[in-house]
PDB file of N, CA and C in Angstrom:
ATOM      1  N   MET A   1      -6.623  13.289 -27.952  1.00  0.00           N
ATOM      2  CA  MET A   1      -5.828  13.806 -27.958  1.00  0.00           C
ATOM      3  C   MET A   1      -5.243  12.782 -27.120  1.00  0.00           C
ATOM      4  N   GLY A   2      -5.670  11.524 -26.345  1.00  0.00           N
ATOM      5  CA  GLY A   2      -5.291  10.483 -25.828  1.00  0.00           C
ATOM      6  C   GLY A   2      -4.189   9.518 -26.701  1.00  0.00           C
ATOM      7  N   ALA A   3      -4.526   9.754 -27.834  1.00  0.00           N
ATOM      8  CA  ALA A   3      -3.867   8.993 -29.020  1.00  0.00           C
ATOM      9  C   ALA A   3      -2.378   9.675 -29.227  1.00  0.00           C
ATOM     10  N   ARG A   4      -2.316  10.630 -28.671  1.00  0.00           N
ATOM     11  CA  ARG A   4      -1.136  11.230 -28.782  1.00  0.00           C
ATOM     12  C   ARG A   4       0.089  11.026 -27.763  1.00  0.00           C
ATOM     13  N   HIS A   5      -0.651  10.390 -26.661  1.00  0.00           N
ATOM     14  CA  HIS A   5       0.256  10.104 -25.560  1.00  0.00           C
ATOM     15  C   HIS A   5       1.424   9.079 -25.681  1.00  0.00           C
ATOM     16  N   GLY A   6       2.495   9.254 -25.112  1.00  0.00           N
ATOM     17  CA  GLY A   6       3.838   8.463 -25.421  1.00  0.00           C
ATOM     18  C   GLY A   6       3.461   6.879 -24.990  1.00  0.00           C
ATOM     19  N   SER A   7       2.414   6.455 -24.062  1.00  0.00           N
ATOM     20  CA  SER A   7       2.348   5.212 -23.772  1.00  0.00           C
ATOM     21  C   SER A   7       1.337   4.723 -24.807  1.00  0.00           C
ATOM     22  N   LYS A   8       0.760   5.616 -25.535  1.00  0.00           N
ATOM     23  CA  LYS A   8       0.081   5.046 -26.831  1.00  0.00           C
ATOM     24  C   LYS A   8       0.709   4.878 -27.689  1.00  0.00           C
ATOM     25  N   LEU A   9       1.408   5.619 -28.255  1.00  0.00           N
ATOM     26  CA  LEU A   9       2.306   5.670 -29.321  1.00  0.00           C
ATOM     27  C   LEU A   9       3.141   4.519 -29.245  1.00  0.00           C
ATOM     28  N   HIS A  10       4.204   4.347 -28.105  1.00  0.00           N
ATOM     29  CA  HIS A  10       5.038   3.662 -27.808  1.00  0.00           C
ATOM     30  C   HIS A  10       4.913   2.425 -26.702  1.00  0.00           C
ATOM     31  N   PRO A  11       3.866   1.668 -26.752  1.00  0.00           N
ATOM     32  CA  PRO A  11       3.640   0.832 -25.607  1.00  0.00           C
ATOM     33  C   PRO A  11       4.780  -0.109 -25.125  1.00  0.00           C
ATOM     34  N   GLN A  12       5.641  -0.190 -26.228  1.00  0.00           N
ATOM     35  CA  GLN A  12       6.645  -1.073 -26.011  1.00  0.00           C
ATOM     36  C   GLN A  12       7.900  -0.594 -25.141  1.00  0.00           C
ATOM     37  N   SER A  13       7.840   0.709 -25.032  1.00  0.00           N
ATOM     38  CA  SER A  13       8.627   1.508 -24.021  1.00  0.00           C
ATOM     39  C   SER A  13       8.649   1.429 -22.580  1.00  0.00           C
ATOM     40  N   LEU A  14       7.035   0.961 -22.384  1.00  0.00           N
ATOM     41  CA  LEU A  14       6.730   1.007 -21.023  1.00  0.00           C
ATOM     42  C   LEU A  14       7.689  -0.143 -20.172  1.00  0.00           C
ATOM     43  N   ALA A  15       7.964   0.199 -18.665  1.00  0.00           N
ATOM     44  CA  ALA A  15       8.671  -0.897 -17.883  1.00  0.00           C
ATOM     45  C   ALA A  15       7.758  -2.077 -17.690  1.00  0.00           C
ATOM     46  N   ARG A  16       8.080  -3.236 -18.001  1.00  0.00           N
ATOM     47  CA  ARG A  16       7.333  -4.167 -17.731  1.00  0.00           C
ATOM     48  C   ARG A  16       8.000  -5.363 -17.375  1.00  0.00           C
ATOM     49  N   GLY A  17       7.773  -6.336 -16.340  1.00  0.00           N
ATOM     50  CA  GLY A  17       8.368  -7.249 -16.322  1.00  0.00           C
ATOM     51  C   GLY A  17       9.780  -7.348 -15.696  1.00  0.00           C
ATOM     52  N   GLY A  18      10.817  -7.721 -16.190  1.00  0.00           N
ATOM     53  CA  GLY A  18      11.977  -7.750 -15.711  1.00  0.00           C
ATOM     54  C   GLY A  18      12.606  -5.977 -15.386  1.00  0.00           C
ATOM     55  N   ARG A  19      12.044  -5.350 -16.283  1.00  0.00           N
ATOM     56  CA  ARG A  19      12.371  -3.852 -16.240  1.00  0.00           C
ATOM     57  C   ARG A  19      11.656  -2.909 -15.458  1.00  0.00           C
ATOM     58  N   ASN A  20      10.797  -3.592 -14.892  1.00  0.00           N
ATOM     59  CA  ASN A  20       9.879  -3.000 -13.958  1.00  0.00           C
ATOM     60  C   ASN A  20      10.474  -2.795 -12.376  1.00  0.00           C
ATOM     61  N   GLY A  21      10.543  -1.770 -11.930  1.00  0.00           N
ATOM     62  CA  GLY A  21      11.606  -1.712 -10.345  1.00  0.00           C
ATOM     63  C   GLY A  21      10.797  -2.296  -9.592  1.00  0.00           C
ATOM     64  N   ALA A  22       9.442  -2.199  -9.147  1.00  0.00           N
ATOM     65  CA  ALA A  22       8.624  -2.763  -8.290  1.00  0.00           C
ATOM     66  C   ALA A  22       8.613  -4.533  -8.313  1.00  0.00           C
ATOM     67  N   ALA A  23       8.902  -4.575  -9.555  1.00  0.00           N
ATOM     68  CA  ALA A  23       8.374  -6.229  -9.763  1.00  0.00           C
ATOM     69  C   ALA A  23      10.162  -6.702  -9.513  1.00  0.00           C
ATOM     70  N   LYS A  24      11.151  -6.149  -9.999  1.00  0.00           N
ATOM     71  CA  LYS A  24      12.439  -6.339  -9.639  1.00  0.00           C
ATOM     72  C   LYS A  24      12.898  -6.520  -8.338  1.00  0.00           C
ATOM     73  N   TYR A  25      12.674  -5.391  -7.560  1.00  0.00           N
ATOM     74  CA  TYR A  25      13.074  -5.351  -6.253  1.00  0.00           C
ATOM     75  C   TYR A  25      11.749  -5.111  -5.342  1.00  0.00           C
ATOM     76  N   PRO A  26      10.969  -5.679  -4.982  1.00  0.00           N
ATOM     77  CA  PRO A  26       9.942  -5.721  -4.333  1.00  0.00           C
ATOM     78  C   PRO A  26      10.116  -5.023  -2.825  1.00  0.00           C
ATOM     79  N   GLU A  27      11.230  -5.554  -2.256  1.00  0.00           N
ATOM     80  CA  GLU A  27      11.605  -4.938  -0.676  1.00  0.00           C
ATOM     81  C   GLU A  27      11.650  -3.634  -0.759  1.00  0.00           C
ATOM     82  N   ARG A  28      12.127  -3.090  -1.995  1.00  0.00           N
ATOM     83  CA  ARG A  28      12.367  -1.329  -1.921  1.00  0.00           C
ATOM     84  C   ARG A  28      11.143  -0.905  -2.047  1.00  0.00           C
ATOM     85  N   TYR A  29       9.876  -1.312  -2.386  1.00  0.00           N
ATOM     86  CA  TYR A  29       8.579  -0.342  -2.478  1.00  0.00           C
ATOM     87  C   TYR A  29       7.546  -1.004  -1.518  1.00  0.00           C
ATOM     88  N   ARG A  30       8.077  -1.811  -0.380  1.00  0.00           N
ATOM     89  CA  ARG A  30       6.940  -2.304   0.503  1.00  0.00           C
ATOM     90  C   ARG A  30       7.328  -1.830   1.906  1.00  0.00           C
ATOM     91  N   GLY A  31       5.894  -1.384   2.311  1.00  0.00           N
ATOM     92  CA  GLY A  31       6.194  -1.083   3.701  1.00  0.00           C
ATOM     93  C   GLY A  31       6.640   0.085   4.131  1.00  0.00           C
ATOM     94  N   GLU A  32       7.353   0.103   5.139  1.00  0.00           N
ATOM     95  CA  GLU A  32       7.887   1.605   5.533  1.00  0.00           C
ATOM     96  C   GLU A  32       8.986   2.017   4.833  1.00  0.00           C
ATOM     97  N   LEU A  33       9.542   1.350   3.868  1.00  0.00           N
ATOM     98  CA  LEU A  33      10.636   1.564   2.948  1.00  0.00           C
ATOM     99  C   LEU A  33       9.890   2.478   1.885  1.00  0.00           C
ATOM    100  N   ASN A  34       8.530   2.414   1.480  1.00  0.00           N
ATOM    101  CA  ASN A  34       7.935   3.199   0.306  1.00  0.00           C
ATOM    102  C   ASN A  34       7.984   4.655   1.054  1.00  0.00           C
ATOM    103  N   GLY A  35       8.262   5.423   0.287  1.00  0.00           N
ATOM    104  CA  GLY A  35       8.214   7.102   0.493  1.00  0.00           C
ATOM    105  C   GLY A  35       7.086   7.468   1.024  1.00  0.00           C
ATOM    106  N   ASN A  36       5.925   6.977   0.639  1.00  0.00           N
ATOM    107  CA  ASN A  36       4.493   7.491   0.736  1.00  0.00           C
ATOM    108  C   ASN A  36       4.035   7.057   2.149  1.00  0.00           C
ATOM    109  N   SER A  37       4.464   6.096   2.696  1.00  0.00           N
ATOM    110  CA  SER A  37       3.966   5.087   3.549  1.00  0.00           C
ATOM    111  C   SER A  37       3.737   6.251   5.010  1.00  0.00           C
ATOM    112  N   ARG A  38       2.626   6.043   5.568  1.00  0.00           N
ATOM    113  CA  ARG A  38       2.571   6.784   6.774  1.00  0.00           C
ATOM    114  C   ARG A  38       2.646   5.898   8.199  1.00  0.00           C
ATOM    115  N   LEU A  39       2.511   4.817   7.920  1.00  0.00           N
ATOM    116  CA  LEU A  39       2.525   3.774   9.042  1.00  0.00           C
ATOM    117  C   LEU A  39       3.774   3.392   9.098  1.00  0.00           C
ATOM    118  N   THR A  40       4.338   2.747  10.104  1.00  0.00           N
ATOM    119  CA  THR A  40       5.216   1.997  10.681  1.00  0.00           C
ATOM    120  C   THR A  40       4.835   0.089  10.776  1.00  0.00           C
ATOM    121  N   LEU A  41       5.698  -0.692  10.899  1.00  0.00           N
ATOM    122  CA  LEU A  41       5.527  -2.005  10.905  1.00  0.00           C
ATOM    123  C   LEU A  41       5.117  -2.113  12.343  1.00  0.00           C
ATOM    124  N   ALA A  42       5.441  -1.498  13.196  1.00  0.00           N
ATOM    125  CA  ALA A  42       4.702  -1.639  14.841  1.00  0.00           C
ATOM    126  C   ALA A  42       3.354  -0.963  14.566  1.00  0.00           C
ATOM    127  N   GLU A  43       3.122  -0.001  14.160  1.00  0.00           N
ATOM    128  CA  GLU A  43       1.837   0.365  13.783  1.00  0.00           C
ATOM    129  C   GLU A  43       0.784  -0.432  13.331  1.00  0.00           C
ATOM    130  N   VAL A  44       1.248  -1.054  12.247  1.00  0.00           N
ATOM    131  CA  VAL A  44       0.113  -2.141  11.574  1.00  0.00           C
ATOM    132  C   VAL A  44      -0.013  -3.189  12.434  1.00  0.00           C
ATOM    133  N   GLN A  45       0.888  -3.698  13.246  1.00  0.00           N
ATOM    134  CA  GLN A  45       0.586  -4.916  14.146  1.00  0.00           C
ATOM    135  C   GLN A  45      -0.341  -4.426  14.877  1.00  0.00           C
ATOM    136  N   SER A  46      -0.291  -3.389  15.712  1.00  0.00           N
ATOM    137  CA  SER A  46      -1.045  -2.705  16.511  1.00  0.00           C
ATOM    138  C   SER A  46      -2.371  -2.545  16.215  1.00  0.00           C
ATOM    139  N   ILE A  47      -2.756  -1.898  14.889  1.00  0.00           N
ATOM    140  CA  ILE A  47      -3.646  -2.066  14.234  1.00  0.00           C
ATOM    141  C   ILE A  47      -4.699  -3.245  14.358  1.00  0.00           C
ATOM    142  N   ARG A  48      -3.904  -4.136  13.889  1.00  0.00           N
ATOM    143  CA  ARG A  48      -4.420  -5.693  13.752  1.00  0.00           C
ATOM    144  C   ARG A  48      -4.623  -6.055  15.134  1.00  0.00           C
ATOM    145  N   GLU A  49      -4.031  -5.720  15.976  1.00  0.00           N
ATOM    146  CA  GLU A  49      -4.243  -6.291  17.246  1.00  0.00           C
ATOM    147  C   GLU A  49      -5.490  -5.677  17.784  1.00  0.00           C
ATOM    148  N   MET A  50      -5.557  -4.085  17.693  1.00  0.00           N
ATOM    149  CA  MET A  50      -6.999  -3.497  18.115  1.00  0.00           C
ATOM    150  C   MET A  50      -8.180  -4.044  17.556  1.00  0.00           C
ATOM    151  N   ALA A  51      -8.026  -4.311  16.429  1.00  0.00           N
ATOM    152  CA  ALA A  51      -9.175  -4.843  15.485  1.00  0.00           C
ATOM    153  C   ALA A  51      -9.888  -6.163  16.053  1.00  0.00           C
ATOM    154  N   THR A  52      -8.416  -6.703  16.346  1.00  0.00           N
ATOM    155  CA  THR A  52      -9.144  -8.306  16.749  1.00  0.00           C
ATOM    156  C   THR A  52      -9.570  -8.569  17.958  1.00  0.00           C
ATOM    157  N   SER A  53      -9.120  -7.161  19.114  1.00  0.00           N
ATOM    158  CA  SER A  53      -9.689  -7.034  20.326  1.00  0.00           C
ATOM    159  C   SER A  53     -10.806  -6.436  20.382  1.00  0.00           C
ATOM    160  N   GLY A  54     -11.595  -6.043  19.029  1.00  0.00           N
ATOM    161  CA  GLY A  54     -13.034  -5.687  18.917  1.00  0.00           C
ATOM    162  C   GLY A  54     -13.000  -4.028  18.925  1.00  0.00           C
ATOM    163  N   LEU A  55     -12.284  -3.220  18.680  1.00  0.00           N
ATOM    164  CA  LEU A  55     -12.123  -1.905  18.437  1.00  0.00           C
ATOM    165  C   LEU A  55     -12.442  -1.751  17.083  1.00  0.00           C
ATOM    166  N   LYS A  56     -13.713  -0.680  16.982  1.00  0.00           N
ATOM    167  CA  LYS A  56     -14.123  -0.440  15.854  1.00  0.00           C
ATOM    168  C   LYS A  56     -13.063   0.090  14.803  1.00  0.00           C
ATOM    169  N   HIS A  57     -13.153  -0.064  13.308  1.00  0.00           N
ATOM    170  CA  HIS A  57     -12.108   0.715  12.352  1.00  0.00           C
ATOM    171  C   HIS A  57     -12.078   2.220  12.252  1.00  0.00           C
ATOM    172  N   THR A  58     -13.125   2.735  12.482  1.00  0.00           N
ATOM    173  CA  THR A  58     -13.196   4.441  12.707  1.00  0.00           C
ATOM    174  C   THR A  58     -12.455   4.735  13.881  1.00  0.00           C
ATOM    175  N   ALA A  59     -12.616   4.205  14.854  1.00  0.00           N
ATOM    176  CA  ALA A  59     -11.868   4.532  16.240  1.00  0.00           C
ATOM    177  C   ALA A  59     -10.047   4.360  15.893  1.00  0.00           C
ATOM    178  N   ILE A  60      -9.922   3.420  15.505  1.00  0.00           N
ATOM    179  CA  ILE A  60      -8.495   2.887  15.019  1.00  0.00           C
ATOM    180  C   ILE A  60      -7.816   3.892  14.247  1.00  0.00           C
ATOM    181  N   ALA A  61      -8.862   4.219  13.240  1.00  0.00           N
ATOM    182  CA  ALA A  61      -8.389   5.112  12.041  1.00  0.00           C
ATOM    183  C   ALA A  61      -8.001   6.756  12.836  1.00  0.00           C
ATOM    184  N   LYS A  62      -8.756   7.110  13.587  1.00  0.00           N
ATOM    185  CA  LYS A  62      -8.395   8.273  14.181  1.00  0.00           C
ATOM    186  C   LYS A  62      -7.279   8.308  15.156  1.00  0.00           C
ATOM    187  N   LEU A  63      -6.822   7.209  15.748  1.00  0.00           N
ATOM    188  CA  LEU A  63      -5.704   7.051  16.404  1.00  0.00           C
ATOM    189  C   LEU A  63      -4.688   7.345  15.567  1.00  0.00           C
ATOM    190  N   PHE A  64      -4.616   6.595  14.492  1.00  0.00           N
ATOM    191  CA  PHE A  64      -3.780   6.906  13.302  1.00  0.00           C
ATOM    192  C   PHE A  64      -3.346   7.567  12.669  1.00  0.00           C
ATOM    193  N   SER A  65      -4.606   8.295  12.566  1.00  0.00           N
ATOM    194  CA  SER A  65      -4.528   9.292  11.334  1.00  0.00           C
ATOM    195  C   SER A  65      -4.503   9.063   9.982  1.00  0.00           C
ATOM    196  N   VAL A  66      -5.340   7.967   9.865  1.00  0.00           N
ATOM    197  CA  VAL A  66      -5.533   7.346   8.444  1.00  0.00           C
ATOM    198  C   VAL A  66      -7.033   7.231   8.350  1.00  0.00           C
ATOM    199  N   THR A  67      -7.568   6.715   7.274  1.00  0.00           N
ATOM    200  CA  THR A  67      -9.003   6.641   6.731  1.00  0.00           C
ATOM    201  C   THR A  67      -9.455   5.138   7.501  1.00  0.00           C
ATOM    202  N   SER A  68     -10.664   4.857   7.874  1.00  0.00           N
ATOM    203  CA  SER A  68     -11.219   3.813   7.984  1.00  0.00           C
ATOM    204  C   SER A  68     -11.164   2.718   6.994  1.00  0.00           C
ATOM    205  N   SER A  69     -11.114   2.973   5.822  1.00  0.00           N
ATOM    206  CA  SER A  69     -11.131   2.189   4.300  1.00  0.00           C
ATOM    207  C   SER A  69      -9.468   1.645   4.903  1.00  0.00           C
ATOM    208  N   HIS A  70      -8.670   2.225   5.150  1.00  0.00           N
ATOM    209  CA  HIS A  70      -7.257   1.913   4.918  1.00  0.00           C
ATOM    210  C   HIS A  70      -7.273   0.832   6.065  1.00  0.00           C
ATOM    211  N   VAL A  71      -7.679   1.022   7.236  1.00  0.00           N
ATOM    212  CA  VAL A  71      -7.549   0.299   8.403  1.00  0.00           C
ATOM    213  C   VAL A  71      -8.410  -1.193   8.182  1.00  0.00           C
ATOM    214  N   HIS A  72      -9.367  -1.076   7.274  1.00  0.00           N
ATOM    215  CA  HIS A  72     -10.002  -2.239   6.813  1.00  0.00           C
ATOM    216  C   HIS A  72      -8.920  -2.942   5.846  1.00  0.00           C
ATOM    217  N   LYS A  73      -8.392  -2.549   4.911  1.00  0.00           N
ATOM    218  CA  LYS A  73      -7.557  -2.918   3.895  1.00  0.00           C
ATOM    219  C   LYS A  73      -6.394  -3.765   4.831  1.00  0.00           C
ATOM    220  N   ILE A  74      -5.830  -3.158   5.727  1.00  0.00           N
ATOM    221  CA  ILE A  74      -4.979  -3.502   6.603  1.00  0.00           C
ATOM    222  C   ILE A  74      -5.342  -4.727   7.230  1.00  0.00           C
ATOM    223  N   VAL A  75      -6.657  -4.619   7.744  1.00  0.00           N
ATOM    224  CA  VAL A  75      -7.127  -5.916   8.673  1.00  0.00           C
ATOM    225  C   VAL A  75      -7.329  -7.089   7.962  1.00  0.00           C
ATOM    226  N   HIS A  76      -7.948  -6.860   6.887  1.00  0.00           N
ATOM    227  CA  HIS A  76      -8.108  -8.080   6.014  1.00  0.00           C
ATOM    228  C   HIS A  76      -7.079  -8.043   4.684  1.00  0.00           C
ATOM    229  N   ARG A  77      -5.767  -7.772   5.145  1.00  0.00           N
ATOM    230  CA  ARG A  77      -4.527  -7.925   4.448  1.00  0.00           C
ATOM    231  C   ARG A  77      -4.556  -7.910   3.158  1.00  0.00           C
ATOM    232  N   HIS A  78      -5.386  -6.901   2.592  1.00  0.00           N
ATOM    233  CA  HIS A  78      -5.241  -6.202   1.315  1.00  0.00           C
ATOM    234  C   HIS A  78      -4.077  -5.213   1.080  1.00  0.00           C
ATOM    235  N   ASN A  79      -3.731  -4.525   2.238  1.00  0.00           N
ATOM    236  CA  ASN A  79      -2.573  -3.772   2.176  1.00  0.00           C
ATOM    237  C   ASN A  79      -1.487  -4.193   3.428  1.00  0.00           C
ATOM    238  N   TRP A  80      -0.590  -4.190   3.183  1.00  0.00           N
ATOM    239  CA  TRP A  80       0.592  -4.472   4.417  1.00  0.00           C
ATOM    240  C   TRP A  80       0.360  -6.186   4.499  1.00  0.00           C
ATOM    241  N   ARG A  81       0.244  -6.770   3.461  1.00  0.00           N
ATOM    242  CA  ARG A  81      -0.038  -8.422   3.235  1.00  0.00           C
ATOM    243  C   ARG A  81       1.130  -9.118   3.768  1.00  0.00           C
ATOM    244  N   HIS A  82       2.259  -8.213   3.411  1.00  0.00           N
ATOM    245  CA  HIS A  82       3.693  -9.222   3.865  1.00  0.00           C
ATOM    246  C   HIS A  82       4.202  -9.139   5.283  1.00  0.00           C
ATOM    247  N   VAL A  83       3.300  -8.376   5.836  1.00  0.00           N
ATOM    248  CA  VAL A  83       3.725  -8.457   7.551  1.00  0.00           C
ATOM    249  C   VAL A  83       2.688  -9.387   8.247  1.00  0.00           C
TER     250      VAL A  83
END
């Protein structure tokens, strides 16, 4: 069944390189401008400050209604690295 999928039959039609919107216009898809974002720039900065002051990731996560793994990724710059 997977062989009949459009991306398998016509891989050349997938958006790659210059045709990929996220690669062409990264500023449209980062941070608060992303429609799926739950945090703002100020909240991300305060998360990093709280973690630096010694507050646990689980406590920070409860304050901002996100998961502790998301807080970990923000603190270690896996997510929101442009900030």
